[in-house]
Amino acid sequence: MTASFDHLGISVPDLEAGVAWYGAALRLTVERTFAVPGTGLRGVMLRHASGYRIELLHRPDAEPGLVADGPVQAAGRLGYGHLCLAVDTPDEVDAEFARLVAAGAGVRMSPRPAPRPGARMAFVADPYGNLIELIDRTA
């Protein structure tokens, strides 16, 4: 079997607001929408020009999950920790961090050297508290 990454699914309390934020902040476009009959579940698959996809899901009766304050706290819990997006240069970590914060992302870890020598990273949170890492993998 050959497998490759297809998408990440994120449950959101407001599907339309989630599509608007992720679309603008991460430059994603709507690939398709769907609903699962009899469940109240609706979703939208969003796609980036580079090919990665994020599926936003909404169920009216969904309950809030655990929200971590940052990457270290997230690693102390089992399950989803964060979404990581690679940028092309160390300077782009700072630029994308600033752009996402301006788009309404919450600051969780300002740009700084990553544990791997020569790399740079930062963390923000979407409007629902989900962590998004930015990393330069050129080093």
C-alpha atoms as a PDB file:
ATOM      1  CA  MET A   1       0.000   0.000   0.000  1.00  0.00           C
ATOM      2  CA  THR A   2       1.172   3.495  -0.822  1.00  0.00           C
ATOM      3  CA  ALA A   3      -0.272   6.218   1.381  1.00  0.00           C
ATOM      4  CA  SER A   4       0.068   9.972   1.401  1.00  0.00           C
ATOM      5  CA  PHE A   5      -1.403  12.744   3.502  1.00  0.00           C
ATOM      6  CA  ASP A   6      -4.860  13.751   2.268  1.00  0.00           C
ATOM      7  CA  HIS A   7      -6.416  16.200   4.733  1.00  0.00           C
ATOM      8  CA  LEU A   8      -6.913  17.295   8.324  1.00  0.00           C
ATOM      9  CA  GLY A   9     -10.441  17.501   9.751  1.00  0.00           C
ATOM     10  CA  ILE A  10     -11.338  20.172  12.304  1.00  0.00           C
ATOM     11  CA  SER A  11     -14.720  20.489  14.027  1.00  0.00           C
ATOM     12  CA  VAL A  12     -15.850  24.104  14.322  1.00  0.00           C
ATOM     13  CA  PRO A  13     -18.820  25.729  16.124  1.00  0.00           C
ATOM     14  CA  ASP A  14     -19.732  27.922  13.109  1.00  0.00           C
ATOM     15  CA  LEU A  15     -19.083  26.421   9.676  1.00  0.00           C
ATOM     16  CA  GLU A  16     -19.535  29.601   7.665  1.00  0.00           C
ATOM     17  CA  ALA A  17     -17.276  31.634   9.973  1.00  0.00           C
ATOM     18  CA  GLY A  18     -14.694  28.820   9.934  1.00  0.00           C
ATOM     19  CA  VAL A  19     -14.691  28.699   6.135  1.00  0.00           C
ATOM     20  CA  ALA A  20     -14.298  32.485   5.996  1.00  0.00           C
ATOM     21  CA  TRP A  21     -11.399  32.534   8.479  1.00  0.00           C
ATOM     22  CA  TYR A  22      -9.484  29.542   7.122  1.00  0.00           C
ATOM     23  CA  GLY A  23     -10.099  30.668   3.557  1.00  0.00           C
ATOM     24  CA  ALA A  24      -8.697  34.138   4.154  1.00  0.00           C
ATOM     25  CA  ALA A  25      -6.005  33.346   6.737  1.00  0.00           C
ATOM     26  CA  LEU A  26      -4.525  30.241   5.089  1.00  0.00           C
ATOM     27  CA  ARG A  27      -5.463  31.145   1.506  1.00  0.00           C
ATOM     28  CA  LEU A  28      -7.711  28.123   1.045  1.00  0.00           C
ATOM     29  CA  THR A  29     -10.525  27.743  -1.466  1.00  0.00           C
ATOM     30  CA  VAL A  30     -13.679  25.657  -1.237  1.00  0.00           C
ATOM     31  CA  GLU A  31     -13.250  22.334  -2.996  1.00  0.00           C
ATOM     32  CA  ARG A  32     -16.616  20.822  -2.037  1.00  0.00           C
ATOM     33  CA  THR A  33     -19.373  20.941   0.539  1.00  0.00           C
ATOM     34  CA  PHE A  34     -21.344  18.039   1.966  1.00  0.00           C
ATOM     35  CA  ALA A  35     -23.931  16.977   4.523  1.00  0.00           C
ATOM     36  CA  VAL A  36     -24.524  13.582   6.132  1.00  0.00           C
ATOM     37  CA  PRO A  37     -28.296  12.948   6.110  1.00  0.00           C
ATOM     38  CA  GLY A  38     -29.932  12.306   9.476  1.00  0.00           C
ATOM     39  CA  THR A  39     -26.935  13.467  11.533  1.00  0.00           C
ATOM     40  CA  GLY A  40     -26.914  17.272  11.292  1.00  0.00           C
ATOM     41  CA  LEU A  41     -23.272  16.978  10.197  1.00  0.00           C
ATOM     42  CA  ARG A  42     -22.173  19.393   7.478  1.00  0.00           C
ATOM     43  CA  GLY A  43     -18.719  19.967   6.099  1.00  0.00           C
ATOM     44  CA  VAL A  44     -16.585  21.906   3.693  1.00  0.00           C
ATOM     45  CA  MET A  45     -13.342  20.674   2.150  1.00  0.00           C
ATOM     46  CA  LEU A  46     -10.873  23.517   1.662  1.00  0.00           C
ATOM     47  CA  ARG A  47      -7.776  23.273  -0.523  1.00  0.00           C
ATOM     48  CA  HIS A  48      -4.529  25.226  -0.743  1.00  0.00           C
ATOM     49  CA  ALA A  49      -2.880  25.838  -4.108  1.00  0.00           C
ATOM     50  CA  SER A  50       0.028  23.632  -2.960  1.00  0.00           C
ATOM     51  CA  GLY A  51      -2.372  20.696  -2.540  1.00  0.00           C
ATOM     52  CA  TYR A  52      -2.937  20.310   1.207  1.00  0.00           C
ATOM     53  CA  ARG A  53      -6.545  20.257   2.382  1.00  0.00           C
ATOM     54  CA  ILE A  54      -8.424  21.055   5.570  1.00  0.00           C
ATOM     55  CA  GLU A  55     -11.908  19.696   6.131  1.00  0.00           C
ATOM     56  CA  LEU A  56     -14.084  21.828   8.406  1.00  0.00           C
ATOM     57  CA  LEU A  57     -16.895  19.938  10.106  1.00  0.00           C
ATOM     58  CA  HIS A  58     -19.930  21.239  11.994  1.00  0.00           C
ATOM     59  CA  ARG A  59     -22.516  19.401  14.075  1.00  0.00           C
ATOM     60  CA  PRO A  60     -24.984  21.532  16.056  1.00  0.00           C
ATOM     61  CA  ASP A  61     -24.737  19.265  19.128  1.00  0.00           C
ATOM     62  CA  ALA A  62     -20.918  19.118  19.205  1.00  0.00           C
ATOM     63  CA  GLU A  63     -19.293  19.748  22.581  1.00  0.00           C
ATOM     64  CA  PRO A  64     -16.104  21.762  23.107  1.00  0.00           C
ATOM     65  CA  GLY A  65     -12.907  19.755  23.434  1.00  0.00           C
ATOM     66  CA  LEU A  66      -9.672  20.459  25.237  1.00  0.00           C
ATOM     67  CA  VAL A  67      -7.855  23.589  24.105  1.00  0.00           C
ATOM     68  CA  ALA A  68      -4.129  23.899  24.800  1.00  0.00           C
ATOM     69  CA  ASP A  69      -2.462  27.212  25.609  1.00  0.00           C
ATOM     70  CA  GLY A  70       0.567  26.289  23.511  1.00  0.00           C
ATOM     71  CA  PRO A  71       2.612  23.488  21.981  1.00  0.00           C
ATOM     72  CA  VAL A  72       4.163  22.225  25.221  1.00  0.00           C
ATOM     73  CA  GLN A  73       0.760  21.903  26.902  1.00  0.00           C
ATOM     74  CA  ALA A  74      -0.684  20.282  23.759  1.00  0.00           C
ATOM     75  CA  ALA A  75       2.075  17.650  23.818  1.00  0.00           C
ATOM     76  CA  GLY A  76       1.003  16.776  27.368  1.00  0.00           C
ATOM     77  CA  ARG A  77      -2.364  15.555  26.100  1.00  0.00           C
ATOM     78  CA  LEU A  78      -3.084  12.556  23.927  1.00  0.00           C
ATOM     79  CA  GLY A  79      -4.668  13.239  20.548  1.00  0.00           C
ATOM     80  CA  TYR A  80      -4.499  16.136  18.137  1.00  0.00           C
ATOM     81  CA  GLY A  81      -1.705  18.578  18.926  1.00  0.00           C
ATOM     82  CA  HIS A  82      -1.323  20.985  16.016  1.00  0.00           C
ATOM     83  CA  LEU A  83      -1.305  21.571  12.280  1.00  0.00           C
ATOM     84  CA  CYS A  84       2.137  22.487  10.913  1.00  0.00           C
ATOM     85  CA  LEU A  85       2.684  24.550   7.778  1.00  0.00           C
ATOM     86  CA  ALA A  86       6.149  24.810   6.226  1.00  0.00           C
ATOM     87  CA  VAL A  87       7.406  28.066   4.744  1.00  0.00           C
ATOM     88  CA  ASP A  88      10.310  28.547   2.338  1.00  0.00           C
ATOM     89  CA  THR A  89      12.667  30.764   4.354  1.00  0.00           C
ATOM     90  CA  PRO A  90      13.295  31.709   7.997  1.00  0.00           C
ATOM     91  CA  ASP A  91      12.040  35.257   7.262  1.00  0.00           C
ATOM     92  CA  GLU A  92       8.725  33.845   6.065  1.00  0.00           C
ATOM     93  CA  VAL A  93       8.031  32.404   9.532  1.00  0.00           C
ATOM     94  CA  ASP A  94       7.962  35.969  10.871  1.00  0.00           C
ATOM     95  CA  ALA A  95       5.969  37.312   7.922  1.00  0.00           C
ATOM     96  CA  GLU A  96       3.343  34.550   7.999  1.00  0.00           C
ATOM     97  CA  PHE A  97       3.090  34.807  11.789  1.00  0.00           C
ATOM     98  CA  ALA A  98       2.401  38.547  11.519  1.00  0.00           C
ATOM     99  CA  ARG A  99      -0.103  38.019   8.687  1.00  0.00           C
ATOM    100  CA  LEU A 100      -2.022  35.333  10.594  1.00  0.00           C
ATOM    101  CA  VAL A 101      -2.114  37.417  13.787  1.00  0.00           C
ATOM    102  CA  ALA A 102      -3.440  40.355  11.731  1.00  0.00           C
ATOM    103  CA  ALA A 103      -6.115  37.972  10.369  1.00  0.00           C
ATOM    104  CA  GLY A 104      -7.271  37.206  13.912  1.00  0.00           C
ATOM    105  CA  ALA A 105      -5.088  34.269  14.967  1.00  0.00           C
ATOM    106  CA  GLY A 106      -4.113  34.132  18.611  1.00  0.00           C
ATOM    107  CA  VAL A 107      -0.443  34.341  19.549  1.00  0.00           C
ATOM    108  CA  ARG A 108       0.776  31.152  21.231  1.00  0.00           C
ATOM    109  CA  MET A 109       4.544  31.275  20.569  1.00  0.00           C
ATOM    110  CA  SER A 110       6.248  34.161  18.802  1.00  0.00           C
ATOM    111  CA  PRO A 111       8.812  33.384  16.072  1.00  0.00           C
ATOM    112  CA  ARG A 112      12.017  31.885  17.477  1.00  0.00           C
ATOM    113  CA  PRO A 113      14.697  29.287  16.776  1.00  0.00           C
ATOM    114  CA  ALA A 114      13.282  25.760  16.530  1.00  0.00           C
ATOM    115  CA  PRO A 115      14.841  22.831  18.411  1.00  0.00           C
ATOM    116  CA  ARG A 116      16.437  21.705  15.127  1.00  0.00           C
ATOM    117  CA  PRO A 117      19.572  23.815  14.461  1.00  0.00           C
ATOM    118  CA  GLY A 118      19.077  26.513  11.851  1.00  0.00           C
ATOM    119  CA  ALA A 119      15.275  26.215  11.719  1.00  0.00           C
ATOM    120  CA  ARG A 120      12.763  28.838  12.852  1.00  0.00           C
ATOM    121  CA  MET A 121       9.224  28.290  14.154  1.00  0.00           C
ATOM    122  CA  ALA A 122       6.153  30.012  15.613  1.00  0.00           C
ATOM    123  CA  PHE A 123       2.673  28.998  16.838  1.00  0.00           C
ATOM    124  CA  VAL A 124      -0.694  30.701  16.492  1.00  0.00           C
ATOM    125  CA  ALA A 125      -4.228  29.508  17.264  1.00  0.00           C
ATOM    126  CA  ASP A 126      -7.260  29.673  15.011  1.00  0.00           C
ATOM    127  CA  PRO A 127     -10.398  31.402  16.398  1.00  0.00           C
ATOM    128  CA  TYR A 128     -11.367  28.112  18.107  1.00  0.00           C
ATOM    129  CA  GLY A 129      -8.051  27.526  19.878  1.00  0.00           C
ATOM    130  CA  ASN A 130      -6.596  24.946  17.454  1.00  0.00           C
ATOM    131  CA  LEU A 131      -2.817  25.317  17.187  1.00  0.00           C
ATOM    132  CA  ILE A 132      -1.090  26.089  13.895  1.00  0.00           C
ATOM    133  CA  GLU A 133       2.698  25.849  13.705  1.00  0.00           C
ATOM    134  CA  LEU A 134       4.769  27.692  11.134  1.00  0.00           C
ATOM    135  CA  ILE A 135       8.198  26.246  10.447  1.00  0.00           C
ATOM    136  CA  ASP A 136      11.090  26.830   8.097  1.00  0.00           C
ATOM    137  CA  ARG A 137      12.483  23.491   6.931  1.00  0.00           C
ATOM    138  CA  THR A 138      15.210  24.870   4.663  1.00  0.00           C
ATOM    139  CA  ALA A 139      18.019  24.438   7.209  1.00  0.00           C
END
